[in-house]
Structures are given as structure tokens and as C-alpha cells.
Amino acid sequence: MASNASAKRSVRSIWISDTHLGSKGCQAELLTEFLKHHDCEQLYLVGDIIDGWRMRKGVYWPQSHSNVLRRILTMAKRGTRVTYVTGNHDEFLRRYSTLQLGNITLTDEAEHITAKGERLLILHGDMFDVITRYHRWLAFLGDSAYEMLLVLNRWLNDLRRRFGFGYWSLSAYLKHKVKKAVNFIGEFEEALAHECHKRNFDGVVCGHIHHAEIRDIGKVRYLNCGDWVESCTALVEDMQGEISLIAWVRQRETVVATSLPQLESST
């Protein structure tokens, strides 16, 4: 039987965002599974990891959500440098920015140098969202509507599973089809790229809009982690400095089938 170490993929850096722990939409089991399958030197948590907005309405915290935090703490204990970049849903942590606890750092933004020497700006991105920044009441309203959309999405996917179909994201479909949503995503990406260029970074890694993407905007590399509510995506830098986007739901069937039995016994 293969050892736990050999079953894992070793990478240089991982970025995840928008896990929304504390909300019913969080795909915590899949996230724990993904983290168990990877070893990394640097783990970036790019905002909205804990959903403070949801927890104001009532505490929802199943064991699976604690397992995610336990996995991250275990990674830090074993030598992974963990950088928690705050977002708008976990903005209650911003009062503690620059806090350092062992291998875990809390900050509002960070800088990452890839193995190829590229300078990346790491931030959640909510400060470049006009609605979140200047119209908080509208942001809260939109958040409630999004929550209802996720409930509908779960019903639809339960029905799809009964008929043998795979996972499908209603929200992602609407983001690509509704003109205003497409325009908002484009404006958000352009604003971040502009800020990155102004500050002489080669690229920017962000989250916030739940839309995973890697693309060049002018001379700037734009990288969005996506989320762990719908798309279950992460950015991964290999040892040569190449960054790729992983959609775990699509990859897990082949990866987990060969590795998960060996990984289940690890903490």
C-alpha cells in the first residue's frame, strides 16, 4: 500500500478563497478532501473563509466546517506557511491585521514571489466592488438573494443526481448569461488589473466574485481563486512557478479513487 506522503501532490503554493465556513452553502467535505490530497509550502486563504455575515443571522457550524480549520492548522503545524487575507464576509478580523501566530499570518493583503520571480499582489478584492464598498445595504440584499439561489441550486442538483446527471451551477450559468453580471465581472477584473499595474506588480490573485479565472489583462496576470460554494476551485503553483486552476469536482473522481483510502487515516 502506498504511503500517505506518496499519495499526495506536492506543490509550492495554493490559493483558496470564498469558502464561507459557517454557511450552509460551504462545500466543506470537498475542501477538506482537496487539502488532504495536497502538500504545499505556502497556503493563501484569500478572504471570505469564515462567513461572519451568515453567522450574524444564526450560528451554523457542523463538524465538517471544524474539519477544514483542523486541516489548515495541521498543515501549519507541519511547516506550511499560512497567510489569511481578510475579505468582506470576514471583515471582523481586519482589526487584527498583521497578527502572527506561529506559521499563520493575518493580513489585509500580501505579496507573493513565484518560483519564476513574478511579483503577485494577493487581496480579496471587495474594495474594488462598488456595491460592497459604497452600498452595503444593497450588498446584504444581494447576499440574501444569492443564498436563496444556492438553496434552489441544491434542489436542482438533488433532482439531477436522481436522474444520473452531474453537478451543475445555476448561479455560474446566470453569471455567464445575464449581461449586467458579465459586465460587472469584467469591470471588477479591469479595476484590479489597473491597481496591480499602478503598483508595479506582475499579477494579482483575488476572490470575492466567485468566478474562477486565469487571464492576461494587458501586461497584468489576473488570477481569481473562485470559491468553495459552487465551483470548488483553487489556484496551484507548481515547483517551477507555473500556476494552474484546479476544479476539484471534475478532478476528484480519478484522483480520490486512487489516493483517498490512504489519506483517510491522516489528521
Protein backbone atom coordinates (compact mmCIF):
# COMPACT_ATOMS: atom_id res chain seq x y z
CA MET A 1 0.00 0.00 0.00
CA ALA A 2 1.27 3.50 -0.88
CA SER A 3 2.22 5.81 1.96
CA ASN A 4 0.27 8.98 2.75
CA ALA A 5 3.15 11.14 1.54
CA SER A 6 3.37 9.42 -1.84
CA ALA A 7 -0.39 9.70 -2.35
CA LYS A 8 -0.27 13.48 -2.05
CA ARG A 9 0.70 16.04 -4.66
CA SER A 10 3.48 18.36 -3.51
CA VAL A 11 3.20 21.93 -4.80
CA ARG A 12 4.82 25.24 -3.97
CA SER A 13 1.72 27.36 -3.27
CA ILE A 14 -2.06 27.06 -3.04
CA TRP A 15 -4.66 29.82 -3.07
CA ILE A 16 -8.27 29.27 -1.98
CA SER A 17 -10.97 31.85 -1.31
CA ASP A 18 -14.65 32.23 -0.52
CA THR A 19 -15.09 29.01 1.43
CA HIS A 20 -17.84 30.66 3.53
CA LEU A 21 -17.44 28.42 6.57
CA GLY A 22 -20.47 28.94 8.77
CA SER A 23 -22.91 28.92 5.85
CA LYS A 24 -24.97 26.02 4.53
CA GLY A 25 -23.58 26.54 1.04
CA CYS A 26 -20.00 25.71 2.03
CA GLN A 27 -18.67 22.53 0.39
CA ALA A 28 -16.54 21.73 3.45
CA GLU A 29 -16.15 18.00 2.82
CA LEU A 30 -14.77 18.60 -0.67
CA LEU A 31 -12.42 21.30 0.62
CA THR A 32 -11.02 19.04 3.34
CA GLU A 33 -10.57 16.31 0.75
CA PHE A 34 -8.69 18.70 -1.55
CA LEU A 35 -6.38 19.90 1.23
CA LYS A 36 -5.66 16.32 2.34
CA HIS A 37 -4.54 15.49 -1.18
CA HIS A 38 -2.01 18.36 -1.34
CA ASP A 39 1.17 19.37 0.44
CA CYS A 40 2.34 22.95 -0.05
CA GLU A 41 5.00 25.32 1.21
CA GLN A 42 2.59 28.29 1.24
CA LEU A 43 -1.18 28.33 1.66
CA TYR A 44 -3.06 31.56 0.99
CA LEU A 45 -6.62 31.95 2.29
CA VAL A 46 -7.85 34.80 0.11
CA GLY A 47 -10.82 36.13 2.07
CA ASP A 48 -14.38 35.13 2.99
CA ILE A 49 -13.07 31.99 4.65
CA ILE A 50 -15.39 32.41 7.65
CA ASP A 51 -18.80 33.88 6.80
CA GLY A 52 -19.42 36.47 9.51
CA TRP A 53 -22.43 37.82 7.65
CA ARG A 54 -24.23 34.48 7.88
CA MET A 55 -23.28 33.95 11.50
CA ARG A 56 -24.95 37.22 12.48
CA LYS A 57 -28.24 35.63 11.49
CA GLY A 58 -27.61 32.45 13.48
CA VAL A 59 -24.81 30.01 14.12
CA TYR A 60 -24.48 27.14 11.68
CA TRP A 61 -21.26 25.19 12.25
CA PRO A 62 -21.29 21.43 11.58
CA GLN A 63 -18.30 19.19 12.25
CA SER A 64 -17.28 19.30 8.60
CA HIS A 65 -16.53 23.03 8.95
CA SER A 66 -14.35 22.40 12.01
CA ASN A 67 -12.54 19.73 10.00
CA VAL A 68 -11.47 22.36 7.45
CA LEU A 69 -9.92 24.54 10.15
CA ARG A 70 -8.33 21.49 11.74
CA ARG A 71 -6.77 20.54 8.42
CA ILE A 72 -5.36 24.06 7.92
CA LEU A 73 -3.92 24.10 11.45
CA THR A 74 -2.36 20.68 10.84
CA MET A 75 -0.73 21.96 7.65
CA ALA A 76 0.66 24.95 9.56
CA LYS A 77 1.97 22.66 12.30
CA ARG A 78 3.76 20.55 9.70
CA GLY A 79 5.56 23.55 8.20
CA THR A 80 3.19 25.15 5.69
CA ARG A 81 3.18 28.96 5.90
CA VAL A 82 -0.47 30.03 6.05
CA THR A 83 -1.45 33.58 5.10
CA TYR A 84 -5.05 34.58 5.85
CA VAL A 85 -6.04 37.59 3.73
CA THR A 86 -9.27 39.11 5.07
CA GLY A 87 -12.39 39.67 2.96
CA ASN A 88 -15.71 41.44 3.41
CA HIS A 89 -17.54 38.47 4.93
CA ASP A 90 -14.76 38.01 7.50
CA GLU A 91 -14.07 41.73 7.88
CA PHE A 92 -14.42 41.33 11.67
CA LEU A 93 -10.85 40.00 11.52
CA ARG A 94 -9.47 43.19 9.96
CA ARG A 95 -9.00 44.76 13.39
CA TYR A 96 -6.37 42.05 13.99
CA SER A 97 -4.43 42.56 10.74
CA THR A 98 -0.67 41.89 10.98
CA LEU A 99 -1.34 39.25 13.68
CA GLN A 100 1.19 36.40 13.60
CA LEU A 101 0.58 33.06 15.31
CA GLY A 102 3.37 30.60 14.55
CA ASN A 103 3.18 29.82 10.83
CA ILE A 104 -0.15 31.66 10.45
CA THR A 105 -0.25 35.34 9.42
CA LEU A 106 -3.39 37.50 9.28
CA THR A 107 -3.31 40.45 6.89
CA ASP A 108 -5.46 42.57 4.55
CA GLU A 109 -3.18 41.95 1.56
CA ALA A 110 0.05 40.13 0.81
CA GLU A 111 2.78 39.80 -1.79
CA HIS A 112 3.91 36.53 -3.31
CA ILE A 113 7.03 35.89 -5.39
CA THR A 114 6.65 32.89 -7.68
CA ALA A 115 9.44 30.45 -8.42
CA LYS A 116 9.86 32.32 -11.73
CA GLY A 117 10.35 35.63 -9.90
CA GLU A 118 6.95 37.16 -10.68
CA ARG A 119 5.51 39.55 -8.06
CA LEU A 120 1.85 38.87 -7.28
CA LEU A 121 -0.48 41.07 -5.25
CA ILE A 122 -2.78 38.96 -3.06
CA LEU A 123 -6.04 40.53 -1.87
CA HIS A 124 -9.68 39.54 -1.59
CA GLY A 125 -10.96 42.22 -3.97
CA ASP A 126 -14.03 43.58 -2.16
CA MET A 127 -12.52 47.10 -2.09
CA PHE A 128 -12.86 47.12 -5.89
CA ASP A 129 -16.55 46.20 -5.77
CA VAL A 130 -18.54 49.47 -5.82
CA ILE A 131 -21.65 47.85 -4.35
CA THR A 132 -19.80 46.29 -1.41
CA ARG A 133 -17.80 49.43 -0.73
CA TYR A 134 -20.42 52.17 -1.09
CA HIS A 135 -23.82 50.46 -0.88
CA ARG A 136 -23.56 47.92 1.94
CA TRP A 137 -27.35 47.58 2.29
CA LEU A 138 -27.51 46.52 -1.37
CA ALA A 139 -24.64 44.09 -0.81
CA PHE A 140 -26.53 42.48 2.10
CA LEU A 141 -29.68 42.29 -0.04
CA GLY A 142 -27.75 40.69 -2.88
CA ASP A 143 -26.18 38.25 -0.43
CA SER A 144 -29.64 37.12 0.73
CA ALA A 145 -30.75 36.66 -2.88
CA TYR A 146 -27.61 34.64 -3.58
CA GLU A 147 -28.37 32.43 -0.56
CA MET A 148 -31.85 31.71 -1.96
CA LEU A 149 -30.27 30.91 -5.32
CA LEU A 150 -27.96 28.39 -3.65
CA VAL A 151 -30.92 26.68 -1.97
CA LEU A 152 -32.63 26.40 -5.37
CA ASN A 153 -29.38 25.11 -6.82
CA ARG A 154 -29.22 22.32 -4.19
CA TRP A 155 -32.77 21.24 -5.04
CA LEU A 156 -31.98 21.19 -8.75
CA ASN A 157 -28.83 19.14 -8.24
CA ASP A 158 -30.60 16.65 -5.96
CA LEU A 159 -33.04 16.11 -8.81
CA ARG A 160 -30.23 15.85 -11.37
CA ARG A 161 -28.45 13.20 -9.27
CA ARG A 162 -31.61 11.09 -9.14
CA PHE A 163 -31.60 11.03 -12.95
CA GLY A 164 -27.87 10.30 -13.18
CA PHE A 165 -26.65 13.77 -14.16
CA GLY A 166 -23.59 15.53 -12.71
CA TYR A 167 -23.32 18.76 -10.74
CA TRP A 168 -24.48 21.97 -12.46
CA SER A 169 -24.25 25.52 -11.09
CA LEU A 170 -27.31 27.71 -11.70
CA SER A 171 -25.50 30.75 -10.33
CA ALA A 172 -22.49 30.27 -12.62
CA TYR A 173 -24.85 29.86 -15.57
CA LEU A 174 -26.60 33.14 -14.77
CA LYS A 175 -23.26 34.94 -14.32
CA HIS A 176 -22.30 33.98 -17.88
CA LYS A 177 -25.73 34.69 -19.42
CA VAL A 178 -27.00 37.83 -17.67
CA LYS A 179 -25.46 40.88 -19.35
CA LYS A 180 -25.18 43.00 -16.19
CA ALA A 181 -23.41 40.18 -14.34
CA VAL A 182 -20.96 39.72 -17.21
CA ASN A 183 -20.29 43.47 -17.30
CA PHE A 184 -19.77 43.57 -13.52
CA ILE A 185 -17.22 40.76 -13.66
CA GLY A 186 -15.36 42.48 -16.50
CA GLU A 187 -15.26 45.83 -14.68
CA PHE A 188 -14.07 44.15 -11.48
CA GLU A 189 -11.24 42.37 -13.30
CA GLU A 190 -10.17 45.55 -15.12
CA ALA A 191 -10.14 47.57 -11.88
CA LEU A 192 -7.91 45.04 -10.13
CA ALA A 193 -5.58 44.81 -13.12
CA HIS A 194 -5.26 48.60 -13.17
CA GLU A 195 -4.38 48.71 -9.45
CA CYS A 196 -1.86 45.92 -9.95
CA HIS A 197 -0.19 47.73 -12.86
CA LYS A 198 -0.13 51.02 -10.92
CA ARG A 199 1.73 49.32 -8.07
CA ASN A 200 4.21 47.58 -10.40
CA PHE A 201 3.06 44.02 -9.71
CA ASP A 202 3.19 41.37 -12.41
CA GLY A 203 -0.15 39.89 -11.43
CA VAL A 204 -2.96 39.81 -8.92
CA VAL A 205 -4.63 36.91 -7.08
CA CYS A 206 -8.11 37.58 -5.70
CA GLY A 207 -11.50 36.08 -4.95
CA HIS A 208 -14.78 37.80 -3.99
CA ILE A 209 -16.88 37.37 -7.15
CA HIS A 210 -16.97 33.52 -7.13
CA HIS A 211 -15.72 33.41 -10.70
CA ALA A 212 -12.52 31.42 -11.20
CA GLU A 213 -10.30 32.78 -13.94
CA ILE A 214 -6.74 33.00 -15.22
CA ARG A 215 -6.15 35.52 -17.98
CA ASP A 216 -3.90 38.34 -19.07
CA ILE A 217 -5.27 41.88 -18.94
CA GLY A 218 -2.74 43.99 -20.76
CA LYS A 219 0.59 43.24 -19.10
CA VAL A 220 -1.03 42.05 -15.87
CA ARG A 221 -1.84 38.41 -15.00
CA TYR A 222 -5.29 38.23 -13.42
CA LEU A 223 -5.94 35.14 -11.27
CA ASN A 224 -9.17 34.53 -9.39
CA CYS A 225 -9.44 31.54 -7.00
CA GLY A 226 -13.17 31.03 -7.49
CA ASP A 227 -14.98 29.61 -4.47
CA TRP A 228 -15.90 26.54 -2.39
CA VAL A 229 -19.64 27.10 -2.51
CA GLU A 230 -20.29 26.24 -6.15
CA SER A 231 -17.22 25.79 -8.34
CA CYS A 232 -14.85 24.25 -5.72
CA THR A 233 -11.75 25.70 -7.37
CA ALA A 234 -8.24 26.60 -6.26
CA LEU A 235 -5.10 28.08 -7.77
CA VAL A 236 -1.94 25.98 -7.51
CA GLU A 237 1.68 26.93 -8.20
CA ASP A 238 3.97 24.04 -9.05
CA MET A 239 7.67 23.89 -8.17
CA GLN A 240 8.62 25.54 -11.48
CA GLY A 241 6.39 28.56 -10.81
CA GLU A 242 3.56 27.66 -13.21
CA ILE A 243 0.11 28.50 -11.83
CA SER A 244 -2.94 26.47 -12.82
CA LEU A 245 -6.60 26.43 -11.89
CA ILE A 246 -7.94 23.24 -10.32
CA ALA A 247 -11.66 22.42 -10.42
CA TRP A 248 -11.77 19.75 -7.73
CA VAL A 249 -15.24 18.38 -8.51
CA ARG A 250 -14.07 17.46 -12.01
CA GLN A 251 -10.71 16.03 -10.89
CA ARG A 252 -11.67 14.18 -7.72
CA GLU A 253 -13.26 11.12 -9.35
CA THR A 254 -9.94 9.92 -10.76
CA VAL A 255 -7.68 11.38 -8.07
CA VAL A 256 -9.62 10.33 -4.98
CA ALA A 257 -10.30 6.82 -6.27
CA THR A 258 -6.58 6.02 -6.04
CA SER A 259 -5.49 8.18 -3.09
CA LEU A 260 -8.30 8.70 -0.58
CA PRO A 261 -8.13 5.27 1.15
CA GLN A 262 -4.53 6.07 2.16
CA LEU A 263 -5.39 9.64 3.20
CA GLU A 264 -8.37 8.96 5.44
CA SER A 265 -6.18 7.94 8.36
CA SER A 266 -4.16 11.20 8.31
CA THR A 267 -5.17 14.09 10.58
